[in-house]
Protein backbone atom coordinates (compact mmCIF):
# COMPACT_ATOMS: atom_id res chain seq x y z
CA MET A 1 25.98 -21.15 -13.98
CA THR A 2 24.31 -17.86 -11.48
CA THR A 3 21.07 -17.00 -12.07
CA ALA A 4 19.72 -13.89 -13.12
CA ALA A 5 18.19 -13.35 -9.36
CA GLU A 6 21.25 -14.48 -7.45
CA ALA A 7 23.40 -11.81 -10.03
CA PHE A 8 20.70 -9.61 -9.17
CA MET A 9 21.37 -10.61 -5.57
CA GLU A 10 25.30 -10.22 -5.50
CA ARG A 11 25.37 -6.89 -7.58
CA PHE A 12 23.83 -5.17 -4.77
CA GLU A 13 24.63 -6.76 -1.74
CA ALA A 14 28.30 -5.41 -2.91
CA MET A 15 26.32 -1.66 -3.31
CA HIS A 16 26.57 -1.61 0.89
CA MET A 17 28.77 1.70 1.37
CA ASP A 18 29.71 1.14 4.87
CA GLU A 19 31.67 4.76 4.71
CA GLU A 20 28.38 6.10 3.61
CA SER A 21 25.97 8.26 6.14
CA GLU A 22 23.32 9.14 3.90
CA LEU A 23 21.79 8.33 0.65
CA SER A 24 19.07 9.59 -1.72
CA ALA A 25 16.51 8.02 -3.81
CA ASP A 26 13.30 9.83 -5.12
CA VAL A 27 11.67 6.86 -3.48
CA VAL A 28 12.60 4.46 -0.57
CA VAL A 29 11.23 1.48 -0.36
CA VAL A 30 11.07 -0.17 3.03
CA GLY A 31 10.75 -3.85 2.24
CA GLY A 32 11.77 -6.35 -0.25
CA GLY A 33 8.88 -8.52 -0.33
CA VAL A 34 6.16 -9.13 -2.71
CA ALA A 35 4.51 -5.78 -2.58
CA GLY A 36 7.64 -3.74 -1.69
CA LEU A 37 9.30 -5.81 -5.10
CA THR A 38 7.04 -5.21 -7.25
CA CYS A 39 5.80 -1.56 -5.86
CA SER A 40 10.03 -0.96 -7.32
CA GLU A 41 9.67 -3.01 -10.29
CA ARG A 42 6.55 -1.07 -11.56
CA LEU A 43 7.60 3.11 -10.66
CA LEU A 44 10.60 2.23 -12.54
CA ARG A 45 8.72 1.07 -14.95
CA ALA A 46 6.63 3.68 -15.81
CA ARG A 47 9.04 6.23 -15.27
CA PRO A 48 13.32 4.35 -15.62
CA GLU A 49 15.10 7.81 -15.08
CA LEU A 50 13.72 7.93 -11.32
CA GLN A 51 15.95 6.82 -8.32
CA VAL A 52 14.34 3.65 -6.40
CA LEU A 53 15.75 2.81 -3.18
CA LEU A 54 15.05 -0.57 -1.96
CA LEU A 55 15.44 -1.08 1.71
CA GLU A 56 15.59 -4.49 3.10
CA TRP A 57 15.82 -6.36 6.90
CA GLN A 58 17.00 -9.64 5.59
CA ASP A 59 19.95 -10.81 3.60
CA ARG A 60 17.26 -12.34 0.99
CA LEU A 61 14.98 -10.47 -0.65
CA GLY A 62 11.06 -11.94 -0.75
CA GLY A 63 9.31 -11.25 2.79
CA ARG A 64 7.25 -14.56 4.27
CA LEU A 65 7.72 -16.67 0.50
CA CYS A 66 10.95 -18.10 1.72
CA SER A 67 11.85 -21.94 1.54
CA HIS A 68 13.29 -24.10 4.46
CA LYS A 69 15.06 -27.35 3.79
CA VAL A 70 13.87 -29.93 5.60
CA GLY A 71 16.37 -32.64 5.41
CA ASP A 72 16.91 -33.59 1.48
CA VAL A 73 13.79 -31.74 0.60
CA THR A 74 12.86 -28.33 0.76
CA ALA A 75 9.59 -26.60 1.45
CA ASP A 76 7.07 -23.69 1.66
CA ALA A 77 8.20 -22.55 5.11
CA GLY A 78 6.26 -19.37 4.64
CA ALA A 79 3.18 -18.59 1.60
CA ALA A 80 2.41 -21.46 0.17
CA TRP A 81 -0.88 -20.84 -1.76
CA VAL A 82 -1.88 -19.50 -5.19
CA HIS A 83 -5.09 -19.37 -4.27
CA GLY A 84 -7.95 -20.46 -7.41
CA THR A 85 -5.98 -19.24 -11.05
CA ASP A 86 -9.08 -18.51 -12.65
CA GLY A 87 -8.65 -14.36 -13.40
CA ASN A 88 -5.48 -14.47 -10.92
CA PRO A 89 -3.13 -11.66 -11.85
CA LEU A 90 -0.50 -13.58 -11.05
CA LEU A 91 -0.84 -15.64 -13.98
CA LEU A 92 -2.79 -12.37 -16.34
CA ASP A 93 0.41 -10.61 -15.59
CA GLY A 94 2.59 -13.20 -16.64
CA LEU A 95 4.36 -14.06 -13.87
CA LEU A 96 3.77 -17.41 -13.28
CA HIS A 97 2.25 -19.65 -16.11
CA GLU A 98 0.48 -22.67 -16.51
CA GLU A 99 3.41 -25.27 -15.91
CA ASP A 100 4.76 -23.84 -12.53
CA ILE A 101 1.66 -25.09 -10.55
CA LEU A 102 0.32 -28.26 -8.84
CA PRO A 103 -3.28 -28.10 -8.37
CA SER A 104 -3.81 -30.04 -5.11
CA SER A 105 -7.69 -29.00 -5.10
CA GLY A 106 -10.55 -28.32 -7.98
CA HIS A 107 -11.73 -25.32 -6.31
CA ASN A 108 -10.86 -23.25 -2.09
CA ILE A 109 -11.24 -26.51 -0.43
CA TRP A 110 -11.34 -24.86 3.69
CA LEU A 111 -14.37 -23.14 2.73
CA HIS A 112 -16.75 -25.99 0.59
CA GLY A 113 -14.89 -29.18 1.37
CA ALA A 114 -13.50 -31.41 -1.62
CA ALA A 115 -14.11 -31.16 -5.14
CA ASP A 116 -15.01 -33.75 -7.46
CA GLY A 117 -11.77 -35.58 -7.60
CA ASP A 118 -9.91 -34.43 -4.97
CA SER A 119 -7.55 -36.75 -3.63
CA CYS A 120 -8.55 -36.51 0.59
CA SER A 121 -9.31 -38.87 3.51
CA PHE A 122 -13.27 -37.01 3.13
CA VAL A 123 -15.94 -37.20 0.74
CA ARG A 124 -18.59 -35.41 0.50
CA SER A 125 -22.07 -36.02 2.11
CA ALA A 126 -25.63 -34.68 3.56
CA ASP A 127 -23.74 -33.18 6.21
CA ASP A 128 -21.81 -31.13 4.22
CA ASP A 129 -24.98 -29.64 2.38
CA LEU A 130 -26.34 -28.77 5.69
CA TRP A 131 -22.97 -27.25 6.18
CA GLU A 132 -23.69 -24.81 3.17
CA ARG A 133 -26.99 -24.26 4.87
CA ARG A 134 -25.47 -22.87 8.27
CA LEU A 135 -22.89 -20.48 6.28
CA ALA A 136 -25.43 -19.29 4.17
CA GLN A 137 -27.50 -18.94 7.41
CA LEU A 138 -25.21 -16.66 8.93
CA GLY A 139 -24.34 -14.63 5.58
CA SER A 140 -28.04 -13.44 5.25
CA ALA A 141 -27.41 -12.66 9.14
CA ALA A 142 -24.12 -11.18 9.21
CA ALA A 143 -24.99 -8.87 5.63
CA ALA A 144 -28.56 -7.51 7.61
CA ALA A 145 -26.53 -6.59 10.90
CA GLY A 146 -24.20 -4.42 9.16
CA CYS A 147 -22.81 -1.84 11.46
CA ALA A 148 -23.97 -4.21 15.00
CA VAL A 149 -21.90 -6.71 14.40
CA PRO A 150 -18.14 -5.64 15.52
CA GLY A 151 -17.75 -7.67 18.75
CA LYS A 152 -19.69 -10.91 18.02
CA SER A 153 -17.34 -14.14 16.58
CA LEU A 154 -18.34 -16.75 14.33
CA GLN A 155 -18.30 -19.18 17.02
CA GLU A 156 -21.08 -17.15 18.47
CA GLY A 157 -23.07 -16.93 15.11
CA LEU A 158 -22.55 -21.04 14.81
CA ARG A 159 -24.55 -20.72 18.07
CA ASP A 160 -27.33 -18.78 16.88
CA THR A 161 -27.85 -21.67 13.51
CA GLU A 162 -27.94 -24.42 16.20
CA ALA A 163 -32.19 -23.46 17.24
CA THR A 164 -32.96 -24.37 13.39
CA LEU A 165 -30.55 -26.59 12.65
CA GLY A 166 -29.42 -28.41 15.64
CA PRO A 167 -25.82 -28.79 16.38
CA LEU A 168 -22.69 -29.39 14.63
CA SER A 169 -22.53 -32.70 13.18
CA GLU A 170 -18.85 -34.35 13.34
CA ALA A 171 -18.95 -33.78 9.12
CA GLU A 172 -19.69 -30.56 10.28
CA ALA A 173 -17.31 -30.25 13.30
CA ARG A 174 -14.39 -31.77 10.37
CA ARG A 175 -15.75 -28.28 7.72
CA LEU A 176 -15.04 -25.64 10.83
CA ARG A 177 -11.49 -27.16 11.55
CA LEU A 178 -10.65 -26.46 7.25
CA LEU A 179 -12.93 -23.13 7.91
CA GLN A 180 -11.01 -21.83 10.40
CA LEU A 181 -7.45 -23.21 8.80
CA TRP A 182 -8.48 -20.58 6.01
CA PHE A 183 -8.87 -17.52 8.37
CA GLY A 184 -5.97 -18.72 10.09
CA THR A 185 -7.41 -18.18 13.75
CA SER A 186 -10.09 -20.09 15.63
CA ALA A 187 -13.62 -19.13 15.67
CA GLU A 188 -13.69 -18.13 18.78
CA GLU A 189 -11.97 -15.09 17.70
CA ILE A 190 -13.06 -15.11 13.77
CA GLY A 191 -15.01 -11.79 13.31
CA MET A 192 -18.53 -12.13 11.92
CA LEU A 193 -17.65 -9.38 9.76
CA GLU A 194 -15.31 -10.96 7.77
CA TRP A 195 -16.96 -14.04 7.65
CA ASP A 196 -19.41 -11.80 5.88
CA SER A 197 -17.13 -9.84 3.30
CA GLU A 198 -15.13 -13.39 3.46
CA HIS A 199 -18.22 -15.01 2.02
CA GLY A 200 -18.36 -12.81 -0.59
CA SER A 201 -15.55 -12.73 -2.05
CA MET A 202 -13.75 -15.58 -0.11
CA GLY A 203 -10.52 -13.22 -0.92
CA ASP A 204 -9.31 -15.98 -3.28
CA TYR A 205 -10.44 -16.53 -7.48
CA PRO A 206 -12.00 -18.89 -9.09
CA GLY A 207 -10.90 -22.82 -10.06
CA PRO A 208 -8.34 -24.61 -8.35
CA HIS A 209 -6.32 -24.11 -5.60
CA ALA A 210 -2.18 -24.75 -5.46
CA VAL A 211 1.04 -25.20 -4.70
CA LEU A 212 4.54 -23.58 -7.15
CA LYS A 213 6.36 -26.07 -8.86
CA GLY A 214 9.74 -25.04 -7.61
CA GLY A 215 8.45 -23.19 -4.07
CA ALA A 216 6.32 -20.34 -3.86
CA GLU A 217 10.23 -17.85 -3.04
CA SER A 218 10.57 -19.12 -6.66
CA LEU A 219 7.69 -16.64 -7.26
CA ALA A 220 10.31 -14.11 -5.44
CA LYS A 221 12.82 -15.01 -6.94
CA ARG A 222 11.29 -14.08 -10.77
CA LEU A 223 10.18 -10.93 -8.85
CA ALA A 224 13.41 -10.21 -8.23
CA ALA A 225 14.75 -10.84 -11.49
CA HIS A 226 12.53 -8.04 -12.94
CA ALA A 227 13.94 -5.46 -10.73
CA GLN A 228 17.32 -6.55 -11.38
CA ARG A 229 16.17 -5.19 -15.23
CA ARG A 230 14.63 -2.30 -14.32
CA GLY A 231 17.45 -0.77 -11.82
CA VAL A 232 16.15 -0.80 -8.34
CA GLN A 233 18.73 -0.26 -6.08
CA VAL A 234 18.53 -2.31 -2.88
CA ARG A 235 20.28 -2.21 0.59
CA PHE A 236 20.00 -5.54 2.26
CA GLY A 237 20.47 -5.98 6.44
CA GLU A 238 19.02 -2.28 6.48
CA GLU A 239 16.40 -2.48 9.55
CA VAL A 240 13.83 0.61 9.30
CA ILE A 241 13.61 3.03 12.98
CA ARG A 242 12.18 5.54 11.99
CA MET A 243 10.41 7.12 8.92
CA ARG A 244 10.06 10.90 9.39
CA GLU A 245 7.79 13.32 6.77
CA ASP A 246 8.59 17.02 5.79
CA PRO A 247 7.25 19.00 3.33
CA ALA A 248 10.22 18.73 1.20
CA GLY A 249 9.79 14.68 1.92
CA VAL A 250 10.79 11.96 3.84
CA VAL A 251 13.60 10.78 5.96
CA VAL A 252 14.45 7.50 6.77
CA HIS A 253 16.58 5.93 9.78
CA CYS A 254 18.23 2.72 9.51
CA ARG A 255 19.56 1.04 13.38
CA SER A 256 22.93 0.92 10.90
CA GLY A 257 23.23 4.37 11.02
CA LEU A 258 22.58 5.10 7.29
CA ARG A 259 19.20 7.57 6.80
CA CYS A 260 17.62 7.94 2.89
CA ARG A 261 16.49 11.14 2.07
CA ALA A 262 13.63 10.93 -0.51
CA THR A 263 10.39 13.16 -2.21
CA TRP A 264 8.53 9.23 -1.28
CA ALA A 265 8.83 5.88 0.66
CA VAL A 266 6.11 2.81 0.91
CA LEU A 267 6.26 1.50 3.99
CA THR A 268 5.32 -2.37 2.92
CA ALA A 269 6.38 -3.89 6.63
CA SER A 270 3.62 -6.80 7.79
CA LEU A 271 0.99 -5.86 10.39
CA GLY A 272 2.66 -7.44 12.99
CA VAL A 273 5.95 -5.46 12.91
CA LEU A 274 3.73 -1.99 11.90
CA LYS A 275 1.91 -3.20 15.18
CA LYS A 276 5.37 -3.30 17.70
CA LEU A 277 6.81 -0.17 16.22
CA GLY A 278 3.24 1.79 17.37
CA PRO A 279 2.00 5.00 16.12
CA ASP A 280 5.72 6.93 16.26
CA PHE A 281 7.28 5.13 14.10
CA ILE A 282 6.44 7.49 11.19
CA ASP A 283 7.02 11.37 12.28
CA PRO A 284 4.06 12.86 12.35
CA ALA A 285 2.52 9.91 14.04
CA MET A 286 -0.33 8.08 11.21
CA PRO A 287 -3.94 9.92 11.90
CA ALA A 288 -5.81 8.39 14.41
CA THR A 289 -7.89 6.59 11.79
CA VAL A 290 -5.07 4.49 10.64
CA GLN A 291 -4.40 3.88 14.58
CA ARG A 292 -7.26 2.40 15.32
CA ALA A 293 -7.04 0.26 12.79
CA LEU A 294 -3.80 -1.26 13.68
CA SER A 295 -5.50 -1.73 16.77
CA ARG A 296 -8.03 -3.33 15.56
CA LEU A 297 -6.29 -5.85 13.03
CA GLN A 298 -3.87 -8.94 14.16
CA MET A 299 -1.60 -11.54 12.59
CA CYS A 300 -2.77 -15.26 12.44
CA HIS A 301 -0.56 -17.57 13.74
CA TYR A 302 -1.07 -20.12 10.82
CA ASN A 303 2.41 -22.70 11.18
CA LYS A 304 3.37 -26.07 9.94
CA ILE A 305 5.15 -28.92 10.79
CA LEU A 306 6.93 -29.65 8.12
CA LEU A 307 8.39 -33.29 7.68
CA GLU A 308 10.44 -35.36 5.06
CA VAL A 309 9.32 -39.16 5.52
CA THR A 310 10.34 -42.29 3.46
CA GLU A 311 8.83 -42.44 0.06
CA LYS A 312 6.97 -45.66 1.81
CA ALA A 313 5.18 -43.57 4.56
CA ALA A 314 4.43 -40.87 2.09
CA ALA A 315 2.73 -43.55 -0.43
CA ARG A 316 0.14 -44.26 2.29
CA PHE A 317 -1.60 -40.64 2.46
CA PRO A 318 -4.35 -38.65 0.15
CA VAL A 319 -3.19 -35.41 -0.66
CA TRP A 320 -5.07 -33.40 1.83
CA ALA A 321 -6.27 -35.57 5.25
CA ASP A 322 -8.40 -34.26 8.15
CA ILE A 323 -6.88 -34.16 11.90
CA ASP A 324 -8.84 -34.18 14.79
CA SER A 325 -6.82 -33.28 17.56
CA ARG A 326 -6.45 -29.78 19.40
CA TYR A 327 -3.75 -28.50 17.93
CA PHE A 328 -3.30 -29.74 14.34
CA TRP A 329 -6.39 -29.93 11.92
CA GLN A 330 -5.52 -31.05 8.72
CA LEU A 331 -2.37 -32.79 6.89
CA PHE A 332 -0.74 -31.84 3.44
CA ASN A 333 1.05 -34.23 1.53
CA TYR A 334 3.32 -32.99 -1.77
CA TRP A 335 4.10 -37.64 -1.97
CA PRO A 336 0.72 -37.21 -5.13
CA LEU A 337 1.49 -34.42 -6.45
CA ASN A 338 5.51 -34.19 -7.22
CA GLY A 339 6.56 -37.31 -5.30
CA LYS A 340 8.35 -35.69 -2.97
CA ALA A 341 8.32 -37.57 0.33
CA LEU A 342 7.48 -34.07 2.19
CA MET A 343 4.32 -33.90 3.98
CA SER A 344 3.03 -30.63 6.46
CA MET A 345 0.57 -30.46 9.30
CA ALA A 346 -1.52 -27.10 10.27
CA SER A 347 -2.35 -25.72 13.23
CA VAL A 348 -3.33 -21.52 13.87
CA ILE A 349 -3.03 -22.22 17.47
CA PRO A 350 -0.45 -20.23 18.59
CA GLU A 351 0.09 -22.08 21.56
CA VAL A 352 2.39 -24.68 18.97
CA GLN A 353 5.52 -22.33 18.32
CA ALA A 354 6.38 -23.94 22.61
CA MET A 355 7.16 -26.95 20.41
CA SER A 356 10.76 -27.86 20.06
CA ASP A 357 11.08 -29.37 16.60
CA GLU A 358 11.55 -33.21 18.28
CA GLU A 359 8.45 -32.55 20.19
CA ALA A 360 6.73 -31.52 16.90
CA ARG A 361 8.00 -34.80 14.91
CA GLU A 362 6.70 -36.56 18.66
CA VAL A 363 3.28 -35.34 17.54
CA ALA A 364 3.46 -35.92 13.91
CA GLU A 365 3.98 -39.99 14.94
CA GLN A 366 1.46 -40.10 17.07
CA LEU A 367 -1.34 -38.22 15.26
CA LEU A 368 -0.54 -39.92 11.52
CA GLY A 369 0.43 -43.37 13.12
CA LEU A 370 4.18 -42.79 11.50
CA LEU A 371 6.32 -46.05 12.70
CA PRO A 372 9.51 -45.49 13.94
CA GLY A 373 11.86 -44.26 11.64
CA GLU A 374 9.75 -43.17 8.88
CA VAL A 375 10.26 -39.68 9.92
CA LEU A 376 13.68 -38.46 8.13
CA ALA A 377 13.25 -34.96 9.90
CA VAL A 378 11.23 -32.42 10.24
CA HIS A 379 11.22 -28.52 11.11
CA MET A 380 8.51 -26.37 12.74
CA THR A 381 7.86 -22.90 11.41
CA ARG A 382 7.66 -20.63 14.43
CA TRP A 383 6.06 -16.74 12.64
CA GLY A 384 4.88 -15.47 15.44
CA GLN A 385 8.96 -15.71 16.59
CA VAL A 386 9.79 -14.38 13.11
CA GLU A 387 11.18 -10.31 14.07
CA TRP A 388 10.69 -8.80 10.32
CA ALA A 389 6.79 -11.16 10.45
CA LEU A 390 5.65 -11.31 14.06
CA GLY A 391 2.46 -14.33 12.29
CA SER A 392 1.98 -15.62 9.28
CA TYR A 393 -0.88 -13.24 7.51
CA SER A 394 -3.18 -10.96 8.80
CA MET A 395 -6.43 -11.17 9.49
CA SER A 396 -9.59 -9.40 10.95
CA THR A 397 -10.81 -9.58 14.75
CA LYS A 398 -14.17 -9.93 16.23
CA ASP A 399 -13.40 -6.42 17.40
CA ALA A 400 -12.67 -5.01 13.75
CA GLU A 401 -14.71 -2.69 11.27
CA TRP A 402 -15.91 -2.54 8.27
CA ASP A 403 -13.61 -0.27 6.38
CA ASP A 404 -10.56 -1.10 9.13
CA VAL A 405 -8.41 -2.26 6.19
CA ARG A 406 -9.96 0.35 3.49
CA SER A 407 -8.75 2.72 6.19
CA LEU A 408 -4.64 1.50 6.32
CA VAL A 409 -4.69 3.03 2.80
CA SER A 410 -7.25 6.18 2.94
CA GLY A 411 -6.27 7.34 6.13
CA MET A 412 -2.79 7.70 4.62
CA GLU A 413 -3.94 9.65 1.50
CA GLY A 414 -2.06 13.20 1.73
CA ARG A 415 0.79 11.99 3.07
CA ARG A 416 3.84 11.16 1.43
CA ILE A 417 4.26 7.68 3.47
CA ARG A 418 1.81 4.95 2.11
CA LEU A 419 2.04 1.30 3.22
CA ALA A 420 1.25 -1.81 1.50
CA GLY A 421 1.17 -5.28 1.65
CA GLU A 422 -1.03 -7.80 2.27
CA HIS A 423 -3.30 -6.14 4.81
CA THR A 424 -3.35 -3.04 3.14
CA HIS A 425 -5.71 -5.19 0.17
CA GLU A 426 -8.98 -4.84 1.58
CA GLU A 427 -10.51 -7.82 -1.20
CA HIS A 428 -7.29 -10.51 -0.72
CA GLN A 429 -5.95 -9.23 2.54
CA GLY A 430 -4.11 -12.31 3.78
CA GLY A 431 -2.77 -13.73 -0.03
CA PHE A 432 0.48 -13.10 -1.91
CA HIS A 433 -1.69 -12.10 -4.57
CA ALA A 434 -3.38 -9.53 -2.14
CA ALA A 435 0.43 -7.89 -1.99
CA TYR A 436 0.65 -7.91 -5.59
CA LEU A 437 -2.00 -6.19 -6.25
CA SER A 438 -0.98 -3.52 -3.59
CA GLY A 439 2.85 -3.60 -4.44
CA ILE A 440 1.00 -2.07 -8.19
CA ARG A 441 -1.39 0.58 -6.54
CA ALA A 442 1.10 1.64 -4.28
CA ALA A 443 3.26 2.68 -6.84
CA GLU A 444 0.61 4.49 -8.53
CA GLU A 445 -0.03 6.28 -5.44
CA ALA A 446 3.56 6.89 -5.55
CA LEU A 447 3.94 8.23 -9.33
CA GLN A 448 0.71 10.73 -8.88
CA GLY A 449 2.62 12.30 -6.26
CA LEU A 450 5.41 13.07 -7.87
CA SER A 451 3.81 14.43 -10.34
CA GLY A 452 2.56 17.29 -7.53
CA PRO A 453 1.94 18.10 -4.07
CA PRO A 454 0.50 15.89 -1.51
CA LYS A 455 -3.74 16.92 -1.82
CA CYS A 456 -3.95 18.61 1.29
CA ASP A 457 -1.36 19.78 4.26
CA ALA A 458 -1.45 16.90 6.03
CA LEU A 459 2.25 17.95 7.84
CA HIS A 460 1.21 19.72 10.15
CA LEU A 461 -1.17 17.25 12.15
CA GLY A 462 -1.60 16.00 15.64
CA LYS A 463 -5.13 14.51 14.49
CA ASP A 464 -7.02 12.87 11.59
CA PRO A 465 -6.73 15.12 8.24
């Protein structure tokens, strides 16, 4: 029996109309990830009479919420985590329920280390208290420096703390590895502005951090099912190559030759894709404030070696284990949580994407001390090479300015084309709850825009409005 999500995809795959070269809608949404699906559904929830057309480059919905078959088990190849369950909008809005989640740590283990009761290869020590003092000193320095912070890396900030707190201990070095995994890049690239904002809000919610029992793609299927009920029209396999805006509306051009005319458009392409497309992808070009922000923000390269192993091998490891190596810094083991003999090794070093799956197998066997025959299947993710993503999630570099993420939204005010996605949510940048919240915001902007003309004449610009 087909699920609602499968029926939805079958229904709209059949909507491909090769003989047509032009479609019209009230709103065109580019991208069927969390932001695009949320925006589309919210538009029709508010105004069921609207014609909402969603253009998706792939042959599936969900974006970076995607799974991959590794031997006999299914693994989250992309986004996997519900980052904090207390007050998380995905739970508050009923998209996720307590029975959907598998808590794996009592709090944000990447930023705060092991919580009491966590299944870890490491425990809290006096050096963790020293690390917390070091981070507090960093946060105070970043907040005090304010606008003078751009250009300074977290690594430089840590070196500054050595004058009063001494060099990092071995336990602190482990905490630094975890912290770099949270940000998705090395301490040399993390900006002090990023650290200041993240140290304040963490980009997450309080409470346990968890994975989903059905995998992260189950959330995408749930969003797709909601879109089906609202009547969102979906076109698969449509790569958007140009968007043109004029006082009458928006024309979206696809590589297939399809043109879509609309009153309003929402672009949810990843930051990596936006950077590759360049400012002239949208005509008139995006304002200079948006272009400058795009140039400073970056996509990180959080990748995983996904391993199906024997049950005997999986049972030897806790949920969390530290790895002290050049490229891989953490092991996550699903076995104690759900009985799946599946493990994941994480890296934020771009060079690991050059590894073949066989080379990744050898690295995993060596670092984890696995015996011959204990690795049954392996898959290495390479998000920097995925053409519709070009990276795993967005981050602020050491050269970023404090309002760069906000500028991606505020800089497009007065335009009929708006941006959405995890890279556009200032407080929760990087997580799929950020994509969800940005989709809600983009729908609200569209509803306001459809009720009247843009607030200012930004269509005759070559410079900032």
